[in-house]
Amino acid sequence: MAISYNRLWKQLIDHGLSKTDMMHRAKISTNVLARLSKGEPVSMDSMEKICTMLGCNIGDVMEFIPDTENGGIDA
């Protein structure tokens, strides 16, 4: 299963914020920002900080993309 943060980047554009602005305002680390930029998982605590800062829900900033090889069902 893959994680996409494309919705987060769209939110930042809509709010006129850079990734660095988000990092400072949400009080997340550079490591978290790097993981987001690479499409890697981050903690729910970090996602909560980002959602609180943007005033949105988690589905507004990320989505899970099912693995198409097995129909989205993990064995």
PDB file of N, CA and C in Angstrom:
ATOM      1  N   MET A   1       0.850  -1.172   0.000  1.00  0.00           N
ATOM      2  CA  MET A   1       0.000   0.000   0.000  1.00  0.00           C
ATOM      3  C   MET A   1       0.897   1.236   0.000  1.00  0.00           C
ATOM      4  N   ALA A   2       0.575   2.179  -0.835  1.00  0.00           N
ATOM      5  CA  ALA A   2       1.350   3.412  -0.934  1.00  0.00           C
ATOM      6  C   ALA A   2       0.578   4.566  -0.304  1.00  0.00           C
ATOM      7  N   ILE A   3       1.319   5.552   0.115  1.00  0.00           N
ATOM      8  CA  ILE A   3       0.732   6.760   0.680  1.00  0.00           C
ATOM      9  C   ILE A   3       1.025   7.906  -0.277  1.00  0.00           C
ATOM     10  N   SER A   4       0.013   8.705  -0.555  1.00  0.00           N
ATOM     11  CA  SER A   4       0.197   9.883  -1.398  1.00  0.00           C
ATOM     12  C   SER A   4      -0.119  11.130  -0.577  1.00  0.00           C
ATOM     13  N   TYR A   5       0.793  12.078  -0.630  1.00  0.00           N
ATOM     14  CA  TYR A   5       0.589  13.365   0.037  1.00  0.00           C
ATOM     15  C   TYR A   5       0.279  14.465  -0.974  1.00  0.00           C
ATOM     16  N   ASN A   6      -0.144  14.090  -2.179  1.00  0.00           N
ATOM     17  CA  ASN A   6      -0.466  15.093  -3.200  1.00  0.00           C
ATOM     18  C   ASN A   6      -1.529  16.074  -2.713  1.00  0.00           C
ATOM     19  N   ARG A   7      -2.457  15.581  -1.919  1.00  0.00           N
ATOM     20  CA  ARG A   7      -3.503  16.459  -1.381  1.00  0.00           C
ATOM     21  C   ARG A   7      -2.904  17.499  -0.430  1.00  0.00           C
ATOM     22  N   LEU A   8      -1.867  17.108   0.311  1.00  0.00           N
ATOM     23  CA  LEU A   8      -1.190  18.053   1.205  1.00  0.00           C
ATOM     24  C   LEU A   8      -0.541  19.165   0.395  1.00  0.00           C
ATOM     25  N   TRP A   9       0.174  18.789  -0.669  1.00  0.00           N
ATOM     26  CA  TRP A   9       0.856  19.806  -1.479  1.00  0.00           C
ATOM     27  C   TRP A   9      -0.166  20.758  -2.102  1.00  0.00           C
ATOM     28  N   LYS A  10      -1.328  20.221  -2.487  1.00  0.00           N
ATOM     29  CA  LYS A  10      -2.399  21.069  -3.033  1.00  0.00           C
ATOM     30  C   LYS A  10      -2.918  22.023  -1.966  1.00  0.00           C
ATOM     31  N   GLN A  11      -3.081  21.524  -0.738  1.00  0.00           N
ATOM     32  CA  GLN A  11      -3.526  22.381   0.371  1.00  0.00           C
ATOM     33  C   GLN A  11      -2.538  23.526   0.598  1.00  0.00           C
ATOM     34  N   LEU A  12      -1.248  23.210   0.557  1.00  0.00           N
ATOM     35  CA  LEU A  12      -0.236  24.251   0.764  1.00  0.00           C
ATOM     36  C   LEU A  12      -0.334  25.320  -0.322  1.00  0.00           C
ATOM     37  N   ILE A  13      -0.503  24.889  -1.569  1.00  0.00           N
ATOM     38  CA  ILE A  13      -0.656  25.846  -2.670  1.00  0.00           C
ATOM     39  C   ILE A  13      -1.887  26.715  -2.438  1.00  0.00           C
ATOM     40  N   ASP A  14      -2.999  26.080  -2.067  1.00  0.00           N
ATOM     41  CA  ASP A  14      -4.247  26.814  -1.836  1.00  0.00           C
ATOM     42  C   ASP A  14      -4.116  27.829  -0.702  1.00  0.00           C
ATOM     43  N   HIS A  15      -3.281  27.515   0.298  1.00  0.00           N
ATOM     44  CA  HIS A  15      -3.070  28.412   1.439  1.00  0.00           C
ATOM     45  C   HIS A  15      -1.894  29.363   1.215  1.00  0.00           C
ATOM     46  N   GLY A  16      -1.228  29.254   0.080  1.00  0.00           N
ATOM     47  CA  GLY A  16      -0.096  30.125  -0.211  1.00  0.00           C
ATOM     48  C   GLY A  16       1.104  29.878   0.686  1.00  0.00           C
ATOM     49  N   LEU A  17       1.302  28.611   1.070  1.00  0.00           N
ATOM     50  CA  LEU A  17       2.391  28.254   1.975  1.00  0.00           C
ATOM     51  C   LEU A  17       3.431  27.397   1.272  1.00  0.00           C
ATOM     52  N   SER A  18       4.665  27.536   1.705  1.00  0.00           N
ATOM     53  CA  SER A  18       5.725  26.646   1.232  1.00  0.00           C
ATOM     54  C   SER A  18       5.837  25.472   2.200  1.00  0.00           C
ATOM     55  N   LYS A  19       6.601  24.472   1.814  1.00  0.00           N
ATOM     56  CA  LYS A  19       6.838  23.338   2.710  1.00  0.00           C
ATOM     57  C   LYS A  19       7.535  23.803   3.983  1.00  0.00           C
ATOM     58  N   THR A  20       8.455  24.749   3.850  1.00  0.00           N
ATOM     59  CA  THR A  20       9.166  25.275   5.019  1.00  0.00           C
ATOM     60  C   THR A  20       8.214  26.038   5.930  1.00  0.00           C
ATOM     61  N   ASP A  21       7.298  26.823   5.344  1.00  0.00           N
ATOM     62  CA  ASP A  21       6.283  27.516   6.147  1.00  0.00           C
ATOM     63  C   ASP A  21       5.485  26.505   6.959  1.00  0.00           C
ATOM     64  N   MET A  22       5.055  25.431   6.295  1.00  0.00           N
ATOM     65  CA  MET A  22       4.282  24.396   6.976  1.00  0.00           C
ATOM     66  C   MET A  22       5.081  23.796   8.122  1.00  0.00           C
ATOM     67  N   MET A  23       6.350  23.497   7.868  1.00  0.00           N
ATOM     68  CA  MET A  23       7.199  22.886   8.883  1.00  0.00           C
ATOM     69  C   MET A  23       7.260  23.764  10.135  1.00  0.00           C
ATOM     70  N   HIS A  24       7.465  25.065   9.948  1.00  0.00           N
ATOM     71  CA  HIS A  24       7.567  25.975  11.091  1.00  0.00           C
ATOM     72  C   HIS A  24       6.221  26.171  11.788  1.00  0.00           C
ATOM     73  N   ARG A  25       5.174  26.371  11.024  1.00  0.00           N
ATOM     74  CA  ARG A  25       3.857  26.631  11.623  1.00  0.00           C
ATOM     75  C   ARG A  25       3.285  25.406  12.326  1.00  0.00           C
ATOM     76  N   ALA A  26       3.500  24.225  11.751  1.00  0.00           N
ATOM     77  CA  ALA A  26       2.972  22.995  12.352  1.00  0.00           C
ATOM     78  C   ALA A  26       3.921  22.427  13.402  1.00  0.00           C
ATOM     79  N   LYS A  27       5.127  23.003  13.483  1.00  0.00           N
ATOM     80  CA  LYS A  27       6.135  22.543  14.447  1.00  0.00           C
ATOM     81  C   LYS A  27       6.490  21.070  14.233  1.00  0.00           C
ATOM     82  N   ILE A  28       6.771  20.741  12.960  1.00  0.00           N
ATOM     83  CA  ILE A  28       7.258  19.403  12.638  1.00  0.00           C
ATOM     84  C   ILE A  28       8.744  19.500  12.301  1.00  0.00           C
ATOM     85  N   SER A  29       9.441  18.399  12.409  1.00  0.00           N
ATOM     86  CA  SER A  29      10.888  18.397  12.191  1.00  0.00           C
ATOM     87  C   SER A  29      11.241  18.343  10.704  1.00  0.00           C
ATOM     88  N   THR A  30      12.500  18.628  10.426  1.00  0.00           N
ATOM     89  CA  THR A  30      12.986  18.508   9.049  1.00  0.00           C
ATOM     90  C   THR A  30      12.919  17.058   8.590  1.00  0.00           C
ATOM     91  N   ASN A  31      13.089  16.111   9.519  1.00  0.00           N
ATOM     92  CA  ASN A  31      12.991  14.691   9.164  1.00  0.00           C
ATOM     93  C   ASN A  31      11.582  14.335   8.706  1.00  0.00           C
ATOM     94  N   VAL A  32      10.581  14.864   9.393  1.00  0.00           N
ATOM     95  CA  VAL A  32       9.190  14.614   8.996  1.00  0.00           C
ATOM     96  C   VAL A  32       8.932  15.222   7.621  1.00  0.00           C
ATOM     97  N   LEU A  33       9.413  16.433   7.404  1.00  0.00           N
ATOM     98  CA  LEU A  33       9.235  17.071   6.102  1.00  0.00           C
ATOM     99  C   LEU A  33       9.902  16.253   5.000  1.00  0.00           C
ATOM    100  N   ALA A  34      11.079  15.729   5.277  1.00  0.00           N
ATOM    101  CA  ALA A  34      11.781  14.901   4.288  1.00  0.00           C
ATOM    102  C   ALA A  34      10.992  13.636   3.978  1.00  0.00           C
ATOM    103  N   ARG A  35      10.432  12.997   5.014  1.00  0.00           N
ATOM    104  CA  ARG A  35       9.649  11.778   4.805  1.00  0.00           C
ATOM    105  C   ARG A  35       8.385  12.083   3.992  1.00  0.00           C
ATOM    106  N   LEU A  36       7.733  13.194   4.285  1.00  0.00           N
ATOM    107  CA  LEU A  36       6.557  13.595   3.510  1.00  0.00           C
ATOM    108  C   LEU A  36       6.932  13.809   2.047  1.00  0.00           C
ATOM    109  N   SER A  37       8.047  14.480   1.832  1.00  0.00           N
ATOM    110  CA  SER A  37       8.488  14.785   0.467  1.00  0.00           C
ATOM    111  C   SER A  37       8.803  13.528  -0.330  1.00  0.00           C
ATOM    112  N   LYS A  38       9.209  12.467   0.373  1.00  0.00           N
ATOM    113  CA  LYS A  38       9.528  11.197  -0.287  1.00  0.00           C
ATOM    114  C   LYS A  38       8.322  10.264  -0.364  1.00  0.00           C
ATOM    115  N   GLY A  39       7.179  10.696   0.186  1.00  0.00           N
ATOM    116  CA  GLY A  39       5.987   9.856   0.179  1.00  0.00           C
ATOM    117  C   GLY A  39       6.067   8.709   1.164  1.00  0.00           C
ATOM    118  N   GLU A  40       6.856   8.894   2.223  1.00  0.00           N
ATOM    119  CA  GLU A  40       7.017   7.856   3.240  1.00  0.00           C
ATOM    120  C   GLU A  40       6.061   8.101   4.402  1.00  0.00           C
ATOM    121  N   PRO A  41       5.744   7.049   5.159  1.00  0.00           N
ATOM    122  CA  PRO A  41       4.834   7.213   6.300  1.00  0.00           C
ATOM    123  C   PRO A  41       5.421   8.133   7.375  1.00  0.00           C
ATOM    124  N   VAL A  42       4.544   8.884   8.015  1.00  0.00           N
ATOM    125  CA  VAL A  42       4.910   9.706   9.169  1.00  0.00           C
ATOM    126  C   VAL A  42       3.920   9.400  10.285  1.00  0.00           C
ATOM    127  N   SER A  43       4.232   9.834  11.488  1.00  0.00           N
ATOM    128  CA  SER A  43       3.381   9.530  12.638  1.00  0.00           C
ATOM    129  C   SER A  43       2.043  10.266  12.548  1.00  0.00           C
ATOM    130  N   MET A  44       1.062   9.700  13.216  1.00  0.00           N
ATOM    131  CA  MET A  44      -0.243  10.351  13.282  1.00  0.00           C
ATOM    132  C   MET A  44      -0.135  11.663  14.045  1.00  0.00           C
ATOM    133  N   ASP A  45       0.790  11.746  14.996  1.00  0.00           N
ATOM    134  CA  ASP A  45       1.018  12.991  15.732  1.00  0.00           C
ATOM    135  C   ASP A  45       1.428  14.104  14.766  1.00  0.00           C
ATOM    136  N   SER A  46       2.330  13.778  13.847  1.00  0.00           N
ATOM    137  CA  SER A  46       2.762  14.770  12.854  1.00  0.00           C
ATOM    138  C   SER A  46       1.606  15.166  11.946  1.00  0.00           C
ATOM    139  N   MET A  47       0.820  14.184  11.520  1.00  0.00           N
ATOM    140  CA  MET A  47      -0.318  14.482  10.653  1.00  0.00           C
ATOM    141  C   MET A  47      -1.347  15.339  11.388  1.00  0.00           C
ATOM    142  N   GLU A  48      -1.531  15.079  12.686  1.00  0.00           N
ATOM    143  CA  GLU A  48      -2.460  15.880  13.482  1.00  0.00           C
ATOM    144  C   GLU A  48      -1.999  17.337  13.538  1.00  0.00           C
ATOM    145  N   LYS A  49      -0.706  17.549  13.730  1.00  0.00           N
ATOM    146  CA  LYS A  49      -0.166  18.913  13.772  1.00  0.00           C
ATOM    147  C   LYS A  49      -0.402  19.635  12.452  1.00  0.00           C
ATOM    148  N   ILE A  50      -0.185  18.928  11.351  1.00  0.00           N
ATOM    149  CA  ILE A  50      -0.373  19.524  10.026  1.00  0.00           C
ATOM    150  C   ILE A  50      -1.844  19.850   9.796  1.00  0.00           C
ATOM    151  N   CYS A  51      -2.726  18.907  10.125  1.00  0.00           N
ATOM    152  CA  CYS A  51      -4.162  19.126   9.930  1.00  0.00           C
ATOM    153  C   CYS A  51      -4.674  20.265  10.803  1.00  0.00           C
ATOM    154  N   THR A  52      -4.185  20.344  12.031  1.00  0.00           N
ATOM    155  CA  THR A  52      -4.590  21.425  12.928  1.00  0.00           C
ATOM    156  C   THR A  52      -4.155  22.770  12.361  1.00  0.00           C
ATOM    157  N   MET A  53      -2.928  22.824  11.871  1.00  0.00           N
ATOM    158  CA  MET A  53      -2.397  24.060  11.308  1.00  0.00           C
ATOM    159  C   MET A  53      -3.186  24.496  10.072  1.00  0.00           C
ATOM    160  N   LEU A  54      -3.575  23.542   9.234  1.00  0.00           N
ATOM    161  CA  LEU A  54      -4.319  23.856   8.010  1.00  0.00           C
ATOM    162  C   LEU A  54      -5.827  23.951   8.232  1.00  0.00           C
ATOM    163  N   GLY A  55      -6.305  23.482   9.390  1.00  0.00           N
ATOM    164  CA  GLY A  55      -7.737  23.491   9.666  1.00  0.00           C
ATOM    165  C   GLY A  55      -8.500  22.523   8.788  1.00  0.00           C
ATOM    166  N   CYS A  56      -7.943  21.309   8.638  1.00  0.00           N
ATOM    167  CA  CYS A  56      -8.572  20.328   7.756  1.00  0.00           C
ATOM    168  C   CYS A  56      -8.540  18.940   8.394  1.00  0.00           C
ATOM    169  N   ASN A  57      -9.100  17.965   7.694  1.00  0.00           N
ATOM    170  CA  ASN A  57      -9.099  16.576   8.142  1.00  0.00           C
ATOM    171  C   ASN A  57      -7.986  15.809   7.447  1.00  0.00           C
ATOM    172  N   ILE A  58      -7.649  14.651   7.980  1.00  0.00           N
ATOM    173  CA  ILE A  58      -6.541  13.868   7.436  1.00  0.00           C
ATOM    174  C   ILE A  58      -6.768  13.458   5.982  1.00  0.00           C
ATOM    175  N   GLY A  59      -8.008  13.202   5.612  1.00  0.00           N
ATOM    176  CA  GLY A  59      -8.307  12.845   4.229  1.00  0.00           C
ATOM    177  C   GLY A  59      -8.089  13.996   3.256  1.00  0.00           C
ATOM    178  N   ASP A  60      -7.967  15.205   3.795  1.00  0.00           N
ATOM    179  CA  ASP A  60      -7.703  16.369   2.957  1.00  0.00           C
ATOM    180  C   ASP A  60      -6.223  16.522   2.625  1.00  0.00           C
ATOM    181  N   VAL A  61      -5.355  15.768   3.317  1.00  0.00           N
ATOM    182  CA  VAL A  61      -3.912  15.926   3.114  1.00  0.00           C
ATOM    183  C   VAL A  61      -3.199  14.651   2.698  1.00  0.00           C
ATOM    184  N   MET A  62      -3.863  13.518   2.787  1.00  0.00           N
ATOM    185  CA  MET A  62      -3.215  12.271   2.382  1.00  0.00           C
ATOM    186  C   MET A  62      -4.250  11.266   1.917  1.00  0.00           C
ATOM    187  N   GLU A  63      -3.779  10.276   1.170  1.00  0.00           N
ATOM    188  CA  GLU A  63      -4.652   9.169   0.787  1.00  0.00           C
ATOM    189  C   GLU A  63      -3.822   7.901   0.682  1.00  0.00           C
ATOM    190  N   PHE A  64      -4.469   6.794   0.922  1.00  0.00           N
ATOM    191  CA  PHE A  64      -3.842   5.488   0.775  1.00  0.00           C
ATOM    192  C   PHE A  64      -4.185   4.958  -0.608  1.00  0.00           C
ATOM    193  N   ILE A  65      -3.180   4.486  -1.306  1.00  0.00           N
ATOM    194  CA  ILE A  65      -3.379   3.925  -2.637  1.00  0.00           C
ATOM    195  C   ILE A  65      -3.150   2.424  -2.534  1.00  0.00           C
ATOM    196  N   PRO A  66      -4.200   1.620  -2.726  1.00  0.00           N
ATOM    197  CA  PRO A  66      -4.068   0.168  -2.570  1.00  0.00           C
ATOM    198  C   PRO A  66      -3.074  -0.432  -3.556  1.00  0.00           C
ATOM    199  N   ASP A  67      -2.455  -1.492  -3.119  1.00  0.00           N
ATOM    200  CA  ASP A  67      -1.539  -2.262  -3.959  1.00  0.00           C
ATOM    201  C   ASP A  67      -2.375  -3.003  -4.991  1.00  0.00           C
ATOM    202  N   THR A  68      -2.169  -2.729  -6.262  1.00  0.00           N
ATOM    203  CA  THR A  68      -2.991  -3.334  -7.314  1.00  0.00           C
ATOM    204  C   THR A  68      -2.607  -4.772  -7.617  1.00  0.00           C
ATOM    205  N   GLU A  69      -1.435  -5.216  -7.178  1.00  0.00           N
ATOM    206  CA  GLU A  69      -1.010  -6.591  -7.454  1.00  0.00           C
ATOM    207  C   GLU A  69      -1.916  -7.619  -6.798  1.00  0.00           C
ATOM    208  N   ASN A  70      -2.396  -7.327  -5.596  1.00  0.00           N
ATOM    209  CA  ASN A  70      -3.238  -8.297  -4.899  1.00  0.00           C
ATOM    210  C   ASN A  70      -4.637  -7.743  -4.631  1.00  0.00           C
ATOM    211  N   GLY A  71      -5.040  -6.772  -5.407  1.00  0.00           N
ATOM    212  CA  GLY A  71      -6.383  -6.225  -5.263  1.00  0.00           C
ATOM    213  C   GLY A  71      -6.579  -5.404  -4.013  1.00  0.00           C
ATOM    214  N   GLY A  72      -5.482  -4.942  -3.412  1.00  0.00           N
ATOM    215  CA  GLY A  72      -5.575  -4.118  -2.224  1.00  0.00           C
ATOM    216  C   GLY A  72      -5.691  -4.903  -0.940  1.00  0.00           C
ATOM    217  N   ILE A  73      -5.600  -6.228  -1.015  1.00  0.00           N
ATOM    218  CA  ILE A  73      -5.707  -7.060   0.179  1.00  0.00           C
ATOM    219  C   ILE A  73      -4.323  -7.572   0.533  1.00  0.00           C
ATOM    220  N   ASP A  74      -3.874  -7.217   1.725  1.00  0.00           N
ATOM    221  CA  ASP A  74      -2.573  -7.699   2.186  1.00  0.00           C
ATOM    222  C   ASP A  74      -2.708  -9.123   2.687  1.00  0.00           C
ATOM    223  N   ALA A  75      -1.789  -9.958   2.293  1.00  0.00           N
ATOM    224  CA  ALA A  75      -1.828 -11.365   2.717  1.00  0.00           C
ATOM    225  C   ALA A  75      -1.201 -11.529   4.076  1.00  0.00           C
TER     226      ALA A  75
END
